[in-house]
Structures are given as structure tokens and as C-alpha cells.
C-alpha atoms as a PDB file:
ATOM      1  CA  MET A   1       0.000   0.000   0.000  1.00  0.00           C
ATOM      2  CA  SER A   2       1.393   3.398  -0.980  1.00  0.00           C
ATOM      3  CA  ALA A   3       2.265   6.260   1.329  1.00  0.00           C
ATOM      4  CA  CYS A   4      -0.866   8.055   0.151  1.00  0.00           C
ATOM      5  CA  CYS A   5      -2.969   5.703   2.277  1.00  0.00           C
ATOM      6  CA  ALA A   6      -1.248   7.186   5.291  1.00  0.00           C
ATOM      7  CA  GLY A   7      -2.058  10.695   4.129  1.00  0.00           C
ATOM      8  CA  SER A   8       1.543  11.647   3.303  1.00  0.00           C
ATOM      9  CA  CYS A   9       0.860  12.724  -0.284  1.00  0.00           C
ATOM     10  CA  ASN A  10      -1.542  15.569   0.304  1.00  0.00           C
ATOM     11  CA  ALA A  11      -0.455  19.167  -0.010  1.00  0.00           C
ATOM     12  CA  ALA A  12       2.711  18.247  -1.865  1.00  0.00           C
ATOM     13  CA  ALA A  13       0.858  16.409  -4.639  1.00  0.00           C
ATOM     14  CA  PRO A  14       1.366  18.025  -8.066  1.00  0.00           C
ATOM     15  CA  PRO A  15      -1.616  19.676  -9.733  1.00  0.00           C
ATOM     16  CA  PRO A  16      -3.406  17.540 -12.349  1.00  0.00           C
ATOM     17  CA  ASP A  17      -2.322  18.107 -15.947  1.00  0.00           C
ATOM     18  CA  GLY A  18      -4.064  18.009 -19.316  1.00  0.00           C
ATOM     19  CA  ARG A  19      -3.138  14.362 -19.832  1.00  0.00           C
ATOM     20  CA  TYR A  20      -4.981  13.367 -16.675  1.00  0.00           C
ATOM     21  CA  ARG A  21      -8.111  15.172 -17.888  1.00  0.00           C
ATOM     22  CA  LYS A  22      -8.021  13.233 -21.176  1.00  0.00           C
ATOM     23  CA  VAL A  23      -7.568   9.962 -19.307  1.00  0.00           C
ATOM     24  CA  LEU A  24     -10.602  10.743 -17.138  1.00  0.00           C
ATOM     25  CA  TRP A  25     -12.737  11.429 -20.204  1.00  0.00           C
ATOM     26  CA  ALA A  26     -11.695   8.104 -21.726  1.00  0.00           C
ATOM     27  CA  ALA A  27     -12.450   6.300 -18.453  1.00  0.00           C
ATOM     28  CA  LEU A  28     -15.837   8.012 -18.204  1.00  0.00           C
ATOM     29  CA  LEU A  29     -16.896   6.899 -21.703  1.00  0.00           C
ATOM     30  CA  VAL A  30     -15.711   3.315 -21.158  1.00  0.00           C
ATOM     31  CA  ASN A  31     -17.604   3.036 -17.877  1.00  0.00           C
ATOM     32  CA  VAL A  32     -20.853   4.443 -19.274  1.00  0.00           C
ATOM     33  CA  ALA A  33     -20.713   1.964 -22.166  1.00  0.00           C
ATOM     34  CA  MET A  34     -19.918  -1.008 -19.923  1.00  0.00           C
ATOM     35  CA  PHE A  35     -22.701  -0.059 -17.500  1.00  0.00           C
ATOM     36  CA  GLY A  36     -25.218  -0.470 -20.304  1.00  0.00           C
ATOM     37  CA  VAL A  37     -23.693  -3.764 -21.465  1.00  0.00           C
ATOM     38  CA  GLU A  38     -23.565  -5.319 -18.001  1.00  0.00           C
ATOM     39  CA  LEU A  39     -26.996  -4.103 -16.947  1.00  0.00           C
ATOM     40  CA  ALA A  40     -28.573  -5.761 -19.973  1.00  0.00           C
ATOM     41  CA  ALA A  41     -26.485  -8.898 -19.461  1.00  0.00           C
ATOM     42  CA  SER A  42     -27.361  -9.124 -15.759  1.00  0.00           C
ATOM     43  CA  MET A  43     -31.072  -9.146 -16.588  1.00  0.00           C
ATOM     44  CA  ARG A  44     -30.558 -11.707 -19.337  1.00  0.00           C
ATOM     45  CA  ALA A  45     -28.395 -13.994 -17.184  1.00  0.00           C
ATOM     46  CA  GLY A  46     -30.206 -13.446 -13.871  1.00  0.00           C
ATOM     47  CA  SER A  47     -26.846 -12.747 -12.203  1.00  0.00           C
ATOM     48  CA  VAL A  48     -26.498 -10.690  -9.011  1.00  0.00           C
ATOM     49  CA  ALA A  49     -22.716 -10.483  -9.516  1.00  0.00           C
ATOM     50  CA  LEU A  50     -23.173  -8.951 -12.972  1.00  0.00           C
ATOM     51  CA  LEU A  51     -25.758  -6.555 -11.580  1.00  0.00           C
ATOM     52  CA  ALA A  52     -23.324  -5.499  -8.857  1.00  0.00           C
ATOM     53  CA  ASP A  53     -20.602  -5.010 -11.448  1.00  0.00           C
ATOM     54  CA  SER A  54     -22.905  -2.933 -13.681  1.00  0.00           C
ATOM     55  CA  ALA A  55     -23.804  -0.685 -10.757  1.00  0.00           C
ATOM     56  CA  ASP A  56     -20.089  -0.379 -10.042  1.00  0.00           C
ATOM     57  CA  PHE A  57     -19.490   0.808 -13.598  1.00  0.00           C
ATOM     58  CA  LEU A  58     -22.239   3.410 -13.173  1.00  0.00           C
ATOM     59  CA  GLY A  59     -20.786   4.588  -9.872  1.00  0.00           C
ATOM     60  CA  ASP A  60     -17.331   4.858 -11.391  1.00  0.00           C
ATOM     61  CA  ALA A  61     -18.691   6.867 -14.317  1.00  0.00           C
ATOM     62  CA  ALA A  62     -20.168   9.295 -11.787  1.00  0.00           C
ATOM     63  CA  ASN A  63     -16.846   9.374  -9.938  1.00  0.00           C
ATOM     64  CA  TYR A  64     -14.940  10.230 -13.096  1.00  0.00           C
ATOM     65  CA  GLY A  65     -17.453  12.959 -13.877  1.00  0.00           C
ATOM     66  CA  VAL A  66     -17.019  14.476 -10.411  1.00  0.00           C
ATOM     67  CA  SER A  67     -13.247  14.232 -10.735  1.00  0.00           C
ATOM     68  CA  LEU A  68     -13.366  16.137 -14.023  1.00  0.00           C
ATOM     69  CA  PHE A  69     -15.517  18.824 -12.418  1.00  0.00           C
ATOM     70  CA  VAL A  70     -13.172  19.438  -9.461  1.00  0.00           C
ATOM     71  CA  LEU A  71      -9.873  19.414 -11.387  1.00  0.00           C
ATOM     72  CA  GLY A  72      -9.724  23.196 -11.540  1.00  0.00           C
ATOM     73  CA  LEU A  73     -10.836  23.771  -7.956  1.00  0.00           C
ATOM     74  CA  ALA A  74      -8.694  24.376  -4.876  1.00  0.00           C
ATOM     75  CA  PRO A  75      -7.040  21.279  -3.322  1.00  0.00           C
ATOM     76  CA  VAL A  76      -9.334  21.379  -0.291  1.00  0.00           C
ATOM     77  CA  TRP A  77     -12.379  21.042  -2.563  1.00  0.00           C
ATOM     78  CA  ARG A  78     -10.774  18.094  -4.355  1.00  0.00           C
ATOM     79  CA  SER A  79     -10.327  16.433  -0.954  1.00  0.00           C
ATOM     80  CA  ARG A  80     -13.942  17.151  -0.037  1.00  0.00           C
ATOM     81  CA  ALA A  81     -15.091  15.649  -3.331  1.00  0.00           C
ATOM     82  CA  ALA A  82     -12.968  12.571  -2.642  1.00  0.00           C
ATOM     83  CA  TRP A  83     -14.613  12.206   0.783  1.00  0.00           C
ATOM     84  CA  GLY A  84     -18.024  12.386  -0.861  1.00  0.00           C
ATOM     85  CA  LYS A  85     -17.038   9.769  -3.416  1.00  0.00           C
ATOM     86  CA  GLY A  86     -15.811   7.526  -0.616  1.00  0.00           C
ATOM     87  CA  LEU A  87     -19.189   7.875   1.064  1.00  0.00           C
ATOM     88  CA  VAL A  88     -20.948   6.879  -2.175  1.00  0.00           C
ATOM     89  CA  MET A  89     -18.658   3.841  -2.491  1.00  0.00           C
ATOM     90  CA  GLY A  90     -19.654   2.829   1.027  1.00  0.00           C
ATOM     91  CA  VAL A  91     -23.378   3.197   0.335  1.00  0.00           C
ATOM     92  CA  PHE A  92     -22.931   1.117  -2.824  1.00  0.00           C
ATOM     93  CA  GLY A  93     -21.290  -1.645  -0.787  1.00  0.00           C
ATOM     94  CA  VAL A  94     -24.214  -1.766   1.651  1.00  0.00           C
ATOM     95  CA  LEU A  95     -26.778  -1.888  -1.176  1.00  0.00           C
ATOM     96  CA  VAL A  96     -24.969  -4.736  -2.930  1.00  0.00           C
ATOM     97  CA  LEU A  97     -24.845  -6.737   0.301  1.00  0.00           C
ATOM     98  CA  ALA A  98     -28.592  -6.285   0.671  1.00  0.00           C
ATOM     99  CA  ARG A  99     -29.197  -7.325  -2.950  1.00  0.00           C
ATOM    100  CA  ALA A 100     -27.000 -10.407  -2.515  1.00  0.00           C
ATOM    101  CA  LEU A 101     -29.092 -11.442   0.485  1.00  0.00           C
ATOM    102  CA  LEU A 102     -32.313 -11.057  -1.491  1.00  0.00           C
ATOM    103  CA  GLY A 103     -30.787 -13.021  -4.357  1.00  0.00           C
ATOM    104  CA  GLY A 104     -29.855 -15.839  -2.004  1.00  0.00           C
ATOM    105  CA  LEU A 105     -33.415 -16.046  -0.759  1.00  0.00           C
ATOM    106  CA  GLY A 106     -34.678 -16.291  -4.353  1.00  0.00           C
ATOM    107  CA  GLY A 107     -32.680 -19.445  -5.124  1.00  0.00           C
ATOM    108  CA  GLY A 108     -32.365 -18.886  -8.903  1.00  0.00           C
ATOM    109  CA  VAL A 109     -29.462 -20.194 -11.040  1.00  0.00           C
ATOM    110  CA  PRO A 110     -27.896 -17.579 -13.379  1.00  0.00           C
ATOM    111  CA  HIS A 111     -26.660 -18.280 -16.922  1.00  0.00           C
ATOM    112  CA  ALA A 112     -22.960 -19.057 -16.519  1.00  0.00           C
ATOM    113  CA  GLN A 113     -21.964 -18.593 -20.172  1.00  0.00           C
ATOM    114  CA  THR A 114     -23.336 -15.057 -20.293  1.00  0.00           C
ATOM    115  CA  MET A 115     -21.602 -14.246 -17.019  1.00  0.00           C
ATOM    116  CA  GLY A 116     -18.262 -15.504 -18.353  1.00  0.00           C
ATOM    117  CA  ALA A 117     -18.426 -13.698 -21.691  1.00  0.00           C
ATOM    118  CA  VAL A 118     -19.438 -10.360 -20.196  1.00  0.00           C
ATOM    119  CA  GLY A 119     -16.944 -10.749 -17.354  1.00  0.00           C
ATOM    120  CA  MET A 120     -14.084 -11.136 -19.842  1.00  0.00           C
ATOM    121  CA  LEU A 121     -15.240  -8.084 -21.792  1.00  0.00           C
ATOM    122  CA  ALA A 122     -15.473  -6.025 -18.598  1.00  0.00           C
ATOM    123  CA  PHE A 123     -12.008  -7.129 -17.478  1.00  0.00           C
ATOM    124  CA  ALA A 124     -10.516  -6.045 -20.811  1.00  0.00           C
ATOM    125  CA  ALA A 125     -12.261  -2.657 -20.606  1.00  0.00           C
ATOM    126  CA  ASN A 126     -11.086  -2.015 -17.054  1.00  0.00           C
ATOM    127  CA  GLY A 127      -7.580  -3.202 -17.900  1.00  0.00           C
ATOM    128  CA  ALA A 128      -7.329  -0.543 -20.578  1.00  0.00           C
ATOM    129  CA  VAL A 129      -8.558   2.155 -18.161  1.00  0.00           C
ATOM    130  CA  ALA A 130      -6.188   0.964 -15.423  1.00  0.00           C
ATOM    131  CA  ALA A 131      -3.225   1.179 -17.809  1.00  0.00           C
ATOM    132  CA  LEU A 132      -4.121   4.803 -18.524  1.00  0.00           C
ATOM    133  CA  LEU A 133      -4.571   5.690 -14.839  1.00  0.00           C
ATOM    134  CA  TYR A 134      -1.510   3.846 -13.499  1.00  0.00           C
ATOM    135  CA  ALA A 135       0.759   6.903 -13.695  1.00  0.00           C
ATOM    136  CA  PHE A 136      -1.632   8.871 -11.443  1.00  0.00           C
ATOM    137  CA  ARG A 137      -2.203   6.223  -8.737  1.00  0.00           C
ATOM    138  CA  ASN A 138      -0.114   8.065  -6.096  1.00  0.00           C
ATOM    139  CA  GLY A 139      -1.696  11.505  -6.417  1.00  0.00           C
ATOM    140  CA  ASP A 140      -4.006  13.202  -3.914  1.00  0.00           C
ATOM    141  CA  ALA A 141      -7.086  11.545  -2.405  1.00  0.00           C
ATOM    142  CA  ASN A 142      -9.206  12.423  -5.433  1.00  0.00           C
ATOM    143  CA  MET A 143      -6.728  10.813  -7.853  1.00  0.00           C
ATOM    144  CA  ARG A 144      -6.301   7.820  -5.570  1.00  0.00           C
ATOM    145  CA  SER A 145     -10.052   7.260  -5.347  1.00  0.00           C
ATOM    146  CA  VAL A 146     -10.190   7.066  -9.154  1.00  0.00           C
ATOM    147  CA  TRP A 147      -7.356   4.529  -9.214  1.00  0.00           C
ATOM    148  CA  LEU A 148      -8.941   2.437  -6.455  1.00  0.00           C
ATOM    149  CA  CYS A 149     -12.244   2.319  -8.308  1.00  0.00           C
ATOM    150  CA  THR A 150     -10.553   0.946 -11.418  1.00  0.00           C
ATOM    151  CA  ARG A 151      -8.418  -1.524  -9.463  1.00  0.00           C
ATOM    152  CA  ASN A 152     -11.490  -2.785  -7.626  1.00  0.00           C
ATOM    153  CA  ASP A 153     -13.337  -3.171 -10.914  1.00  0.00           C
ATOM    154  CA  MET A 154     -10.637  -5.485 -12.286  1.00  0.00           C
ATOM    155  CA  ILE A 155     -10.712  -7.596  -9.128  1.00  0.00           C
ATOM    156  CA  GLY A 156     -14.491  -7.659  -9.367  1.00  0.00           C
ATOM    157  CA  ASN A 157     -14.344  -8.773 -13.002  1.00  0.00           C
ATOM    158  CA  LEU A 158     -12.080 -11.690 -12.090  1.00  0.00           C
ATOM    159  CA  ALA A 159     -14.478 -12.577  -9.296  1.00  0.00           C
ATOM    160  CA  VAL A 160     -17.384 -12.578 -11.775  1.00  0.00           C
ATOM    161  CA  LEU A 161     -15.427 -15.011 -13.964  1.00  0.00           C
ATOM    162  CA  LEU A 162     -14.831 -17.262 -10.960  1.00  0.00           C
ATOM    163  CA  ALA A 163     -18.533 -17.054 -10.131  1.00  0.00           C
ATOM    164  CA  ALA A 164     -19.396 -18.076 -13.688  1.00  0.00           C
ATOM    165  CA  LEU A 165     -17.143 -21.126 -13.351  1.00  0.00           C
ATOM    166  CA  GLY A 166     -18.696 -21.922  -9.986  1.00  0.00           C
ATOM    167  CA  VAL A 167     -22.243 -21.659 -11.312  1.00  0.00           C
ATOM    168  CA  PHE A 168     -21.337 -23.764 -14.359  1.00  0.00           C
ATOM    169  CA  GLY A 169     -19.705 -26.447 -12.231  1.00  0.00           C
ATOM    170  CA  THR A 170     -22.286 -26.629  -9.437  1.00  0.00           C
ATOM    171  CA  GLN A 171     -25.436 -25.646 -11.342  1.00  0.00           C
ATOM    172  CA  ALA A 172     -26.321 -23.577  -8.275  1.00  0.00           C
ATOM    173  CA  GLY A 173     -26.649 -19.864  -7.589  1.00  0.00           C
ATOM    174  CA  TRP A 174     -24.528 -19.585  -4.440  1.00  0.00           C
ATOM    175  CA  PRO A 175     -21.221 -18.736  -6.236  1.00  0.00           C
ATOM    176  CA  ASP A 176     -22.955 -15.745  -7.838  1.00  0.00           C
ATOM    177  CA  ILE A 177     -24.267 -14.586  -4.442  1.00  0.00           C
ATOM    178  CA  ALA A 178     -20.893 -15.091  -2.763  1.00  0.00           C
ATOM    179  CA  VAL A 179     -19.060 -13.004  -5.371  1.00  0.00           C
ATOM    180  CA  ALA A 180     -21.583 -10.182  -5.086  1.00  0.00           C
ATOM    181  CA  ALA A 181     -21.022 -10.116  -1.318  1.00  0.00           C
ATOM    182  CA  ILE A 182     -17.221 -10.079  -1.726  1.00  0.00           C
ATOM    183  CA  MET A 183     -17.447  -7.186  -4.190  1.00  0.00           C
ATOM    184  CA  ALA A 184     -19.553  -5.268  -1.691  1.00  0.00           C
ATOM    185  CA  LEU A 185     -17.018  -5.800   1.097  1.00  0.00           C
ATOM    186  CA  LEU A 186     -14.185  -4.685  -1.182  1.00  0.00           C
ATOM    187  CA  GLY A 187     -16.107  -1.511  -1.949  1.00  0.00           C
ATOM    188  CA  LEU A 188     -16.602  -0.828   1.754  1.00  0.00           C
ATOM    189  CA  SER A 189     -12.879  -1.289   2.442  1.00  0.00           C
ATOM    190  CA  SER A 190     -11.864   1.106  -0.330  1.00  0.00           C
ATOM    191  CA  ALA A 191     -14.464   3.641   0.799  1.00  0.00           C
ATOM    192  CA  ARG A 192     -12.882   3.682   4.242  1.00  0.00           C
ATOM    193  CA  ASP A 193      -9.411   4.121   2.688  1.00  0.00           C
ATOM    194  CA  VAL A 194     -10.462   7.065   0.508  1.00  0.00           C
ATOM    195  CA  MET A 195     -12.456   8.825   3.230  1.00  0.00           C
ATOM    196  CA  ARG A 196      -9.601   8.472   5.731  1.00  0.00           C
ATOM    197  CA  GLN A 197      -7.043  10.018   3.381  1.00  0.00           C
ATOM    198  CA  ALA A 198      -9.448  12.779   2.373  1.00  0.00           C
ATOM    199  CA  ARG A 199     -10.011  13.695   6.044  1.00  0.00           C
ATOM    200  CA  LEU A 200      -6.258  13.858   6.648  1.00  0.00           C
ATOM    201  CA  GLU A 201      -5.811  16.134   3.619  1.00  0.00           C
ATOM    202  CA  MET A 202      -8.640  18.429   4.676  1.00  0.00           C
ATOM    203  CA  ARG A 203      -7.128  18.764   8.159  1.00  0.00           C
ATOM    204  CA  ALA A 204      -3.701  19.528   6.704  1.00  0.00           C
ATOM    205  CA  ARG A 205      -5.141  22.230   4.428  1.00  0.00           C
ATOM    206  CA  THR A 206      -7.312  23.902   7.065  1.00  0.00           C
ATOM    207  CA  PRO A 207      -5.459  26.786   8.774  1.00  0.00           C
ATOM    208  CA  LEU A 208      -5.364  26.648  12.538  1.00  0.00           C
ATOM    209  CA  ALA A 209      -7.512  29.215  14.292  1.00  0.00           C
ATOM    210  CA  ALA A 210      -5.601  32.054  15.846  1.00  0.00           C
ATOM    211  CA  SER A 211      -5.106  31.545  19.560  1.00  0.00           C
END
């Protein structure tokens, strides 16, 4: 884990450049497209894991949009935006856990082949975005939240592929439910990481009151 998780890359972080803005636009477009693909596929396959991944793509698209909006603002506002994004990531994690529980009660078996094909497509899309964002992974809390979202997406895509194999091998729905729950917990962990660094940055940038 980088020093940024400990809050040591706050005020000294360099300002974002034009290349970062272009990367964010590319990431935004990829995530919007993949949200539509996975949402349709989740309904076709009856997969909670795919539904969780599609919602993750939508959340990331919103995150990239917010990041583009705050690029020109003061560092303290970028940290506040990062804290807000961390909060959204946490809410998403709770909602996915609830949906996984409801899916488990339903007892349906999703279509493994659709899960596998869409999971591979999503992994390729997120891999391309991650390659573009890699150079900015150690920036301020706002940059780091963008990187964490993409990293989590790739882990989630691999988990969806494992779920597809599990469903295919067992002809049961529990691997799909288990993966959705794991993705939710990963989102909650990253939310805590982002919000903690953002709080440290906001404290460092807030002038002490005169005694």
C-alpha cells in the first residue's frame, strides 16, 4: 500500500495536468458503455454479480465525472469531493450486500456462459482504463479514489469469472451470491481508505484558528 494511504501525499501532490483530464474522459466513456452492457447482461443472465458489477461501472462513471468537475478547484475542494465519493462507495457496498441477500433467498441459477463472456469483456475494458490511470495512482485523495475504483473493478471482473465457473460447475446460484457479497465488502474497504485520506488532507489544508 502506498504512502498516500497514510495521508503523506496531500499538499505536496502536483496539480493535475491536461493528460490526466483526457484519461478521465476516456475512463468516463468506457464506464458508461460497460454499464449499459452489463446491466442488460445481468437481466438476461439473472446474475447478481453482474448486476453489482454494472452498478459499479455506473458509480465509477459518476466518480470520473465528479473528478473532471473538481480538477480546476482548490485542493481542499478536491479532498472534499474525494470524501463524498468515498461515502458513495460505502453506500454502494451496503446496497450490494442487501441485494446479494435477497438473491440468495430467491434461489435462482444464473446463466454461466453469459456471465463468463461479459466478465471477460469487462475485465478487458477495465484493464485498458487501469493502464491509462496507473501513472496517477499516487496523487491526492481524489486521484487515488479514481485509481482504487478501477483496481477494484478489475478484481471484481475476475471474481465474476470465478462465479461463472462456480455456477457452471455446481449448477447452483450460491457462487454468484458469494461473489456479489465479496465485491460489496471490497467496496466498503476502499471507501474507508479514501475517506480516511481525504479527512487527513482536509485537516492539513485547514489553517489553525488564531489563539
